[in-house]
N, C-alpha and C. Protein backbone atom coordinates (compact mmCIF):
# COMPACT_ATOMS: atom_id res chain seq x y z
N UNK A 1 -4.73 14.10 -45.67
CA UNK A 1 -5.01 14.84 -44.22
C UNK A 1 -3.21 15.52 -44.17
N UNK A 2 -3.73 17.14 -43.54
CA UNK A 2 -2.58 18.27 -43.27
C UNK A 2 -1.59 17.09 -42.00
N UNK A 3 -0.92 18.41 -42.30
CA UNK A 3 0.15 18.02 -40.96
C UNK A 3 -0.51 19.17 -39.80
N UNK A 4 -1.26 19.65 -39.85
CA UNK A 4 -1.64 19.90 -38.21
C UNK A 4 -2.65 18.60 -37.45
N UNK A 5 -3.72 17.78 -38.64
CA UNK A 5 -4.31 16.94 -38.62
C UNK A 5 -3.88 16.14 -38.08
N UNK A 6 -2.62 15.48 -38.94
CA UNK A 6 -1.68 14.34 -38.14
C UNK A 6 -1.14 13.89 -37.27
N UNK A 7 -1.14 15.26 -36.95
CA UNK A 7 -0.26 16.01 -35.31
C UNK A 7 -1.26 15.55 -33.99
N UNK A 8 -2.66 15.76 -34.66
CA UNK A 8 -3.68 15.96 -34.02
C UNK A 8 -4.02 14.59 -33.67
N UNK A 9 -4.31 13.82 -34.82
CA UNK A 9 -4.24 12.12 -34.63
C UNK A 9 -3.18 10.92 -33.47
N UNK A 10 -2.23 11.87 -33.90
CA UNK A 10 -0.83 10.84 -33.61
C UNK A 10 -0.86 11.78 -31.78
N UNK A 11 -0.93 12.67 -31.32
CA UNK A 11 -1.46 12.55 -30.10
C UNK A 11 -2.64 12.72 -29.23
N UNK A 12 -4.03 12.56 -29.43
CA UNK A 12 -4.62 11.99 -29.44
C UNK A 12 -4.44 10.63 -29.06
N UNK A 13 -3.94 9.71 -29.83
CA UNK A 13 -3.06 8.54 -29.76
C UNK A 13 -2.12 8.20 -28.63
N UNK A 14 -1.69 9.34 -28.41
CA UNK A 14 -0.93 9.10 -27.33
C UNK A 14 -1.41 9.19 -25.66
N UNK A 15 -1.63 10.36 -25.91
CA UNK A 15 -3.01 10.46 -25.16
C UNK A 15 -3.69 9.88 -24.56
N UNK A 16 -4.31 8.68 -25.47
CA UNK A 16 -5.84 7.76 -25.64
C UNK A 16 -4.71 6.30 -24.46
N UNK A 17 -3.58 6.05 -25.08
CA UNK A 17 -2.30 5.09 -24.48
C UNK A 17 -2.05 5.53 -23.06
N UNK A 18 -1.23 6.51 -22.41
CA UNK A 18 -1.91 7.75 -21.51
C UNK A 18 -2.46 6.89 -20.17
N UNK A 19 -3.65 7.48 -21.00
CA UNK A 19 -5.34 7.10 -20.17
C UNK A 19 -5.45 5.72 -19.88
N UNK A 20 -5.09 4.64 -20.53
CA UNK A 20 -5.34 3.58 -20.57
C UNK A 20 -4.82 2.97 -18.92
N UNK A 21 -5.76 2.18 -18.34
CA UNK A 21 -4.86 1.69 -16.93
C UNK A 21 -4.00 0.64 -17.29
N UNK A 22 -3.06 -0.02 -16.32
CA UNK A 22 -2.41 -0.31 -16.15
C UNK A 22 -3.43 -1.90 -16.24
N UNK A 23 -2.59 -3.48 -16.70
CA UNK A 23 -2.69 -4.35 -16.29
C UNK A 23 -2.87 -4.60 -14.79
N UNK A 24 -1.77 -3.78 -14.49
CA UNK A 24 -1.61 -4.21 -12.77
C UNK A 24 -1.86 -3.35 -12.02
N UNK A 25 -2.56 -2.32 -12.55
CA UNK A 25 -2.64 -1.41 -11.43
C UNK A 25 -4.31 -1.36 -10.88
N UNK A 26 -4.50 -1.51 -10.04
CA UNK A 26 -5.98 -1.44 -9.33
C UNK A 26 -6.40 0.03 -9.23
N UNK A 27 -7.64 0.49 -9.06
CA UNK A 27 -7.91 1.72 -8.62
C UNK A 27 -9.16 1.27 -7.85
N UNK A 28 -9.58 2.84 -6.70
CA UNK A 28 -10.81 2.89 -6.69
C UNK A 28 -11.29 2.13 -5.04
N UNK A 29 -11.84 1.73 -4.41
CA UNK A 29 -12.05 0.49 -3.67
C UNK A 29 -11.67 -1.13 -3.88
N UNK A 30 -11.58 -1.27 -5.08
CA UNK A 30 -11.11 -2.51 -4.88
C UNK A 30 -9.63 -2.68 -4.55
N UNK A 31 -10.20 -4.47 -4.21
CA UNK A 31 -9.20 -5.08 -2.86
C UNK A 31 -8.03 -6.10 -2.58
N UNK A 32 -6.64 -5.32 -3.07
CA UNK A 32 -6.09 -6.47 -3.63
C UNK A 32 -5.52 -7.13 -2.34
N UNK A 33 -5.77 -6.00 -1.37
CA UNK A 33 -4.53 -6.27 -0.23
C UNK A 33 -5.53 -7.36 1.25
N UNK A 34 -5.39 -8.58 1.75
CA UNK A 34 -6.01 -9.22 2.51
C UNK A 34 -6.61 -8.74 3.58
N UNK A 35 -8.08 -8.51 3.74
CA UNK A 35 -8.40 -7.61 4.98
C UNK A 35 -8.90 -6.64 5.00
N UNK A 36 -8.52 -5.63 5.45
CA UNK A 36 -9.62 -4.41 5.41
C UNK A 36 -8.82 -3.15 5.49
N UNK A 37 -8.92 -2.08 5.43
CA UNK A 37 -8.56 -0.45 5.17
C UNK A 37 -9.43 -0.02 4.87
N UNK A 38 -9.50 0.88 6.35
CA UNK A 38 -10.75 2.09 6.35
C UNK A 38 -10.31 3.18 6.95
N UNK A 39 -11.03 4.19 5.86
CA UNK A 39 -10.58 5.88 5.86
C UNK A 39 -11.91 5.95 6.85
N UNK A 40 -12.16 6.46 8.27
CA UNK A 40 -12.88 5.87 8.80
C UNK A 40 -12.76 7.97 9.61
N UNK A 41 -14.28 8.53 9.41
CA UNK A 41 -14.67 10.08 10.17
C UNK A 41 -14.76 9.79 11.29
N UNK A 42 -14.07 10.59 12.06
CA UNK A 42 -14.59 9.93 13.47
C UNK A 42 -14.83 12.17 14.15
N UNK A 43 -15.85 12.60 14.03
CA UNK A 43 -16.19 14.58 13.96
C UNK A 43 -15.12 15.71 13.51
N UNK A 44 -16.02 16.39 14.51
CA UNK A 44 -15.51 17.94 13.99
C UNK A 44 -14.69 18.43 15.39
N UNK A 45 -13.64 18.56 15.54
CA UNK A 45 -12.96 19.80 16.49
C UNK A 45 -12.42 20.52 16.61
N UNK A 46 -11.55 21.66 17.57
CA UNK A 46 -10.97 22.54 17.59
C UNK A 46 -10.62 23.01 18.20
N UNK A 47 -8.57 22.65 17.56
CA UNK A 47 -7.65 22.82 18.29
C UNK A 47 -6.11 23.98 18.12
N UNK A 48 -6.53 24.55 18.62
CA UNK A 48 -5.60 25.55 18.75
C UNK A 48 -5.52 26.98 18.01
N UNK A 49 -7.17 26.78 17.71
CA UNK A 49 -8.06 28.05 17.22
C UNK A 49 -8.52 27.44 15.70
N UNK A 50 -8.20 25.88 14.87
CA UNK A 50 -8.68 25.62 14.02
C UNK A 50 -9.56 24.61 14.32
N UNK A 51 -11.01 24.79 13.28
CA UNK A 51 -11.45 23.96 13.34
C UNK A 51 -11.84 23.48 12.15
N UNK A 52 -11.38 21.43 12.54
CA UNK A 52 -11.40 21.07 11.05
C UNK A 52 -12.41 19.56 11.21
N UNK A 53 -11.63 18.33 10.27
CA UNK A 53 -12.71 17.13 10.29
C UNK A 53 -11.45 16.02 10.79
N UNK A 54 -11.71 15.53 11.83
CA UNK A 54 -10.67 14.30 12.18
C UNK A 54 -11.13 12.97 11.40
N UNK A 55 -9.95 11.66 10.86
CA UNK A 55 -9.92 11.02 10.16
C UNK A 55 -9.06 10.14 10.64
N UNK A 56 -9.18 8.69 10.78
CA UNK A 56 -8.90 7.74 11.27
C UNK A 56 -8.29 6.48 9.47
N UNK A 57 -7.21 6.55 9.43
CA UNK A 57 -6.50 5.59 8.59
C UNK A 57 -6.36 4.41 9.20
N UNK A 58 -7.03 2.76 9.27
CA UNK A 58 -7.04 1.90 9.33
C UNK A 58 -6.55 0.19 8.73
N UNK A 59 -5.39 0.05 9.01
CA UNK A 59 -5.06 -1.61 8.49
C UNK A 59 -4.75 -2.22 8.53
N UNK A 60 -6.06 -2.99 8.47
CA UNK A 60 -7.42 -4.16 9.73
C UNK A 60 -6.49 -5.09 8.54
N UNK A 61 -5.41 -4.97 7.63
CA UNK A 61 -5.60 -6.16 6.48
C UNK A 61 -3.95 -6.74 7.36
N UNK A 62 -3.47 -7.72 6.29
CA UNK A 62 -2.27 -8.54 6.79
C UNK A 62 -0.95 -8.20 5.97
N UNK A 63 -0.89 -7.61 5.38
CA UNK A 63 -0.16 -6.83 5.13
C UNK A 63 0.35 -4.97 4.82
N UNK A 64 1.58 -4.76 4.61
CA UNK A 64 2.13 -2.90 4.28
C UNK A 64 1.39 -2.70 3.63
N UNK A 65 0.44 -1.31 3.58
CA UNK A 65 0.19 -0.78 2.98
C UNK A 65 1.29 1.13 3.14
N UNK A 66 0.83 1.80 1.86
CA UNK A 66 1.72 2.94 1.97
C UNK A 66 0.95 4.06 1.69
N UNK A 67 0.95 5.44 2.46
CA UNK A 67 0.37 6.00 2.13
C UNK A 67 0.93 7.35 1.66
N UNK A 68 0.53 8.38 0.73
CA UNK A 68 1.52 9.67 0.07
C UNK A 68 1.22 10.34 1.32
N UNK A 69 2.42 11.11 1.72
CA UNK A 69 1.80 12.06 2.95
C UNK A 69 3.40 12.93 3.06
N UNK A 70 2.96 14.20 3.69
CA UNK A 70 3.92 15.25 4.18
C UNK A 70 4.80 14.14 5.25
N UNK A 71 4.17 13.43 6.24
CA UNK A 71 4.24 13.32 7.21
C UNK A 71 3.58 12.18 8.32
N UNK A 72 3.45 11.63 8.94
CA UNK A 72 2.36 10.71 9.52
C UNK A 72 1.19 11.24 9.72
N UNK A 73 1.34 12.60 9.58
CA UNK A 73 -0.51 12.90 10.47
C UNK A 73 -0.76 13.76 9.18
N UNK A 74 -0.05 14.35 8.21
CA UNK A 74 -0.40 14.95 7.03
C UNK A 74 -0.41 14.46 5.68
N UNK A 75 -1.36 13.79 5.55
CA UNK A 75 -1.67 12.87 4.39
C UNK A 75 -2.67 13.94 3.08
N UNK A 76 -1.81 13.49 1.94
CA UNK A 76 -2.60 13.88 0.84
C UNK A 76 -4.02 13.68 0.91
N UNK A 77 -5.06 14.28 0.43
CA UNK A 77 -6.15 13.52 0.30
C UNK A 77 -6.79 14.80 -0.08
N UNK A 78 -7.86 14.02 -0.97
CA UNK A 78 -8.99 14.77 -1.78
C UNK A 78 -10.65 14.44 -1.08
N UNK A 79 -11.41 15.37 -1.50
CA UNK A 79 -12.56 15.19 -0.87
C UNK A 79 -13.51 15.74 -2.40
N UNK A 80 -14.92 14.97 -2.38
CA UNK A 80 -16.05 14.97 -3.25
C UNK A 80 -16.99 15.57 -2.02
N UNK A 81 -17.32 16.29 -3.12
CA UNK A 81 -19.48 16.88 -2.64
C UNK A 81 -20.34 16.02 -3.21
N UNK A 82 -21.75 15.87 -2.68
CA UNK A 82 -22.26 15.46 -3.45
C UNK A 82 -23.11 16.47 -4.05
N UNK A 83 -23.73 15.82 -5.05
CA UNK A 83 -23.95 17.34 -5.69
C UNK A 83 -25.45 16.17 -6.12
N UNK A 84 -25.99 17.24 -7.55
CA UNK A 84 -27.56 16.85 -8.05
C UNK A 84 -27.12 15.51 -9.12
N UNK A 85 -25.98 15.78 -9.80
CA UNK A 85 -25.49 14.70 -10.73
C UNK A 85 -24.60 13.61 -9.93
N UNK A 86 -24.73 13.82 -8.79
CA UNK A 86 -23.57 12.38 -8.17
C UNK A 86 -22.40 13.36 -7.34
N UNK A 87 -21.40 12.75 -7.65
CA UNK A 87 -19.76 13.13 -6.97
C UNK A 87 -18.78 14.08 -7.50
N UNK A 88 -18.90 15.10 -6.79
CA UNK A 88 -18.18 16.15 -7.20
C UNK A 88 -16.94 16.47 -6.78
N UNK A 89 -15.68 16.80 -7.33
CA UNK A 89 -14.61 17.51 -7.09
C UNK A 89 -15.24 18.91 -5.66
N UNK A 90 -14.12 18.44 -4.56
CA UNK A 90 -14.91 19.45 -3.52
C UNK A 90 -13.18 20.67 -3.71
N UNK A 91 -12.38 19.86 -2.76
CA UNK A 91 -11.39 20.36 -2.48
C UNK A 91 -9.82 19.30 -2.37
N UNK A 92 -8.58 19.61 -2.11
CA UNK A 92 -7.49 18.90 -2.09
C UNK A 92 -6.91 19.55 -1.39
N UNK A 93 -6.03 18.38 -0.49
CA UNK A 93 -4.73 18.93 0.34
C UNK A 93 -3.55 18.79 -0.34
N UNK A 94 -3.08 18.60 -1.38
CA UNK A 94 -1.76 17.88 -2.10
C UNK A 94 -1.02 19.04 -2.96
N UNK A 95 0.12 19.14 -2.98
CA UNK A 95 1.06 19.68 -3.83
C UNK A 95 1.94 18.59 -4.67
N UNK A 96 2.57 17.75 -3.59
CA UNK A 96 3.24 17.06 -4.32
C UNK A 96 5.00 16.94 -3.80
N UNK A 97 5.14 18.81 -3.54
CA UNK A 97 6.27 18.41 -3.00
C UNK A 97 6.75 18.26 -1.77
N UNK A 98 7.57 18.02 -1.03
CA UNK A 98 8.31 17.02 -0.29
C UNK A 98 7.60 15.98 0.51
N UNK A 99 6.20 15.39 -0.43
CA UNK A 99 6.24 14.19 0.41
C UNK A 99 6.16 13.06 0.08
N UNK A 100 6.11 11.93 0.57
CA UNK A 100 6.83 10.92 -0.06
C UNK A 100 5.99 9.57 0.73
N UNK A 101 6.51 8.55 0.34
CA UNK A 101 5.11 6.85 0.38
C UNK A 101 5.48 6.22 1.44
N UNK A 102 4.80 6.39 3.23
CA UNK A 102 5.11 6.52 4.23
C UNK A 102 4.31 4.59 4.29
N UNK A 103 4.89 4.17 5.07
CA UNK A 103 4.35 2.76 5.24
C UNK A 103 3.07 2.83 6.23
N UNK A 104 2.23 2.31 6.25
CA UNK A 104 1.46 1.61 7.92
C UNK A 104 0.99 0.12 8.42
N UNK A 105 1.81 -0.41 8.90
CA UNK A 105 1.93 -1.92 9.42
C UNK A 105 0.61 -2.26 9.23
N UNK A 106 0.57 -3.84 8.96
CA UNK A 106 -1.15 -4.38 9.42
C UNK A 106 -1.47 -4.14 10.95
N UNK A 107 -2.56 -3.30 11.08
CA UNK A 107 -3.19 -3.52 12.30
C UNK A 107 -2.92 -2.50 12.98
N UNK A 108 -2.66 -0.90 11.98
CA UNK A 108 -2.06 -0.12 12.41
C UNK A 108 -2.69 1.24 12.04
N UNK A 109 -3.28 1.86 12.72
CA UNK A 109 -3.60 3.03 12.54
C UNK A 109 -3.43 4.69 12.48
N UNK A 110 -3.43 5.35 11.88
CA UNK A 110 -2.88 6.89 11.76
C UNK A 110 -4.39 7.49 11.71
N UNK A 111 -3.91 8.70 12.49
CA UNK A 111 -5.28 9.28 12.86
C UNK A 111 -4.81 11.37 12.50
N UNK A 112 -5.53 12.27 11.85
CA UNK A 112 -5.20 13.20 11.05
C UNK A 112 -6.44 14.28 10.42
N UNK A 113 -5.98 15.31 10.76
CA UNK A 113 -7.09 16.24 10.65
C UNK A 113 -7.20 16.91 9.23
N UNK A 114 -8.74 17.11 8.48
CA UNK A 114 -8.76 17.95 7.33
C UNK A 114 -9.28 19.06 7.30
N UNK A 115 -8.92 20.28 6.22
CA UNK A 115 -10.56 21.42 5.95
C UNK A 115 -12.07 20.76 6.14
N UNK A 116 -12.07 21.72 6.37
CA UNK A 116 -13.89 21.51 6.16
C UNK A 116 -14.29 22.04 4.93
N UNK A 117 -15.67 21.78 4.40
CA UNK A 117 -16.31 22.34 3.52
C UNK A 117 -16.54 23.73 4.11
N UNK A 118 -16.12 24.62 2.86
CA UNK A 118 -16.67 25.82 2.84
C UNK A 118 -18.02 26.30 3.30
N UNK A 119 -19.04 25.07 2.74
CA UNK A 119 -20.57 25.63 3.34
C UNK A 119 -20.84 23.88 3.82
N UNK A 120 -22.28 24.30 4.33
CA UNK A 120 -23.45 23.07 4.45
C UNK A 120 -23.55 21.70 3.30
N UNK A 121 -22.97 21.20 3.40
CA UNK A 121 -23.40 19.57 2.29
C UNK A 121 -23.21 18.15 2.97
N UNK A 122 -23.08 17.61 2.02
CA UNK A 122 -22.69 16.27 1.92
C UNK A 122 -21.15 15.73 0.90
N UNK A 123 -20.44 15.53 2.31
CA UNK A 123 -19.49 15.40 1.55
C UNK A 123 -18.82 13.92 2.14
N UNK A 124 -17.71 13.47 1.29
CA UNK A 124 -16.58 12.49 1.39
C UNK A 124 -14.76 12.67 1.36
N UNK A 125 -14.22 12.13 2.23
CA UNK A 125 -12.65 12.28 1.40
C UNK A 125 -12.31 10.92 1.49
N UNK A 126 -11.01 11.43 0.50
CA UNK A 126 -10.52 10.14 -0.52
C UNK A 126 -9.17 10.15 -0.12
N UNK A 127 -8.02 8.70 0.19
CA UNK A 127 -7.17 8.87 0.28
C UNK A 127 -6.42 7.63 -0.63
N UNK A 128 -5.25 7.66 -1.32
CA UNK A 128 -5.05 6.80 -1.63
C UNK A 128 -3.70 6.42 -0.90
N UNK A 129 -4.17 5.04 -1.59
CA UNK A 129 -2.91 3.73 -0.76
C UNK A 129 -2.58 2.54 -1.63
N UNK A 130 -0.81 2.48 -1.49
CA UNK A 130 -0.46 1.07 -2.22
C UNK A 130 0.45 0.17 -1.64
N UNK A 131 1.13 -0.43 -2.50
CA UNK A 131 1.43 -1.69 -1.84
C UNK A 131 2.99 -1.13 -1.16
N UNK A 132 3.82 -2.61 -1.42
CA UNK A 132 5.70 -1.51 -1.08
C UNK A 132 6.07 -1.60 -2.04
N UNK A 133 5.52 -2.01 -2.98
CA UNK A 133 6.12 -2.09 -4.56
C UNK A 133 5.60 -1.22 -5.09
N UNK A 134 4.97 -0.93 -4.86
CA UNK A 134 4.07 0.39 -5.97
C UNK A 134 3.63 0.13 -7.08
N UNK A 135 3.23 -1.15 -6.73
CA UNK A 135 2.50 -2.27 -8.16
C UNK A 135 1.45 -1.25 -7.98
N UNK A 136 0.63 -1.50 -7.16
CA UNK A 136 -0.76 -0.93 -7.40
C UNK A 136 -0.99 0.29 -6.43
N UNK A 137 -2.20 1.05 -6.71
CA UNK A 137 -2.41 1.85 -6.23
C UNK A 137 -4.22 2.01 -6.60
N UNK A 138 -5.07 2.54 -5.11
CA UNK A 138 -6.52 2.70 -4.89
C UNK A 138 -7.26 3.69 -4.08
N UNK A 139 -7.79 3.49 -4.10
CA UNK A 139 -8.39 5.26 -3.39
C UNK A 139 -9.27 4.67 -1.90
N UNK A 140 -9.49 4.75 -0.91
CA UNK A 140 -10.27 4.63 0.15
C UNK A 140 -10.74 5.45 0.33
N UNK A 141 -12.09 5.85 0.52
CA UNK A 141 -13.71 6.92 1.02
C UNK A 141 -13.55 6.60 1.78
N UNK A 142 -14.16 7.85 2.54
CA UNK A 142 -14.61 7.63 3.55
C UNK A 142 -16.48 7.76 3.50
N UNK A 143 -17.62 7.14 4.31
CA UNK A 143 -18.07 7.26 4.19
C UNK A 143 -19.37 8.43 4.09
N UNK A 144 -20.39 8.72 3.01
CA UNK A 144 -20.60 10.09 3.75
C UNK A 144 -21.26 10.49 4.30
N UNK A 145 -20.47 12.39 4.72
CA UNK A 145 -20.78 13.22 5.45
C UNK A 145 -21.97 14.11 5.91
N UNK A 146 -22.74 14.22 6.41
CA UNK A 146 -23.47 15.54 5.98
C UNK A 146 -22.56 16.81 7.34
N UNK A 147 -22.69 17.74 6.25
CA UNK A 147 -22.03 18.41 7.21
C UNK A 147 -22.43 20.39 7.58
N UNK A 148 -22.90 20.57 8.45
CA UNK A 148 -23.91 21.45 8.38
C UNK A 148 -22.71 22.86 9.00
N UNK A 149 -22.76 23.63 8.15
CA UNK A 149 -22.22 24.64 9.00
C UNK A 149 -22.14 25.82 9.89
N UNK A 150 -22.03 26.00 10.51
CA UNK A 150 -21.80 26.79 11.92
C UNK A 150 -22.51 28.24 11.69
């Protein structure tokens, strides 16, 4: 085997290990928190000439969760559109610069606004939450939203 082939195999092995999920990491909609954490769509509104979608993140659990955000009403989020082959990336609101994990206490909620899809579609929003020590993280998805562009 030549040097290029060996380097390729080593890189593939390293990338494969990096892609493996930690045994302590929970993802998607697994529920390690006692109770529920919900991401709820609240319709569309126009404020200061900006039309946006409104959401609320509810922490109905018995533990504090954390969400990644620039401030308490400007969360990192991503969205997906329903295509012929399933859910696919649509857009996101994050780069990470200046963001931090903020707490959401039990029985508390935060409301925030998001961009709308550029065209009519069925879409959903995704927000990442984690525990106090950041040992696990998981996505919370809104229910599918049917959007008709005016």
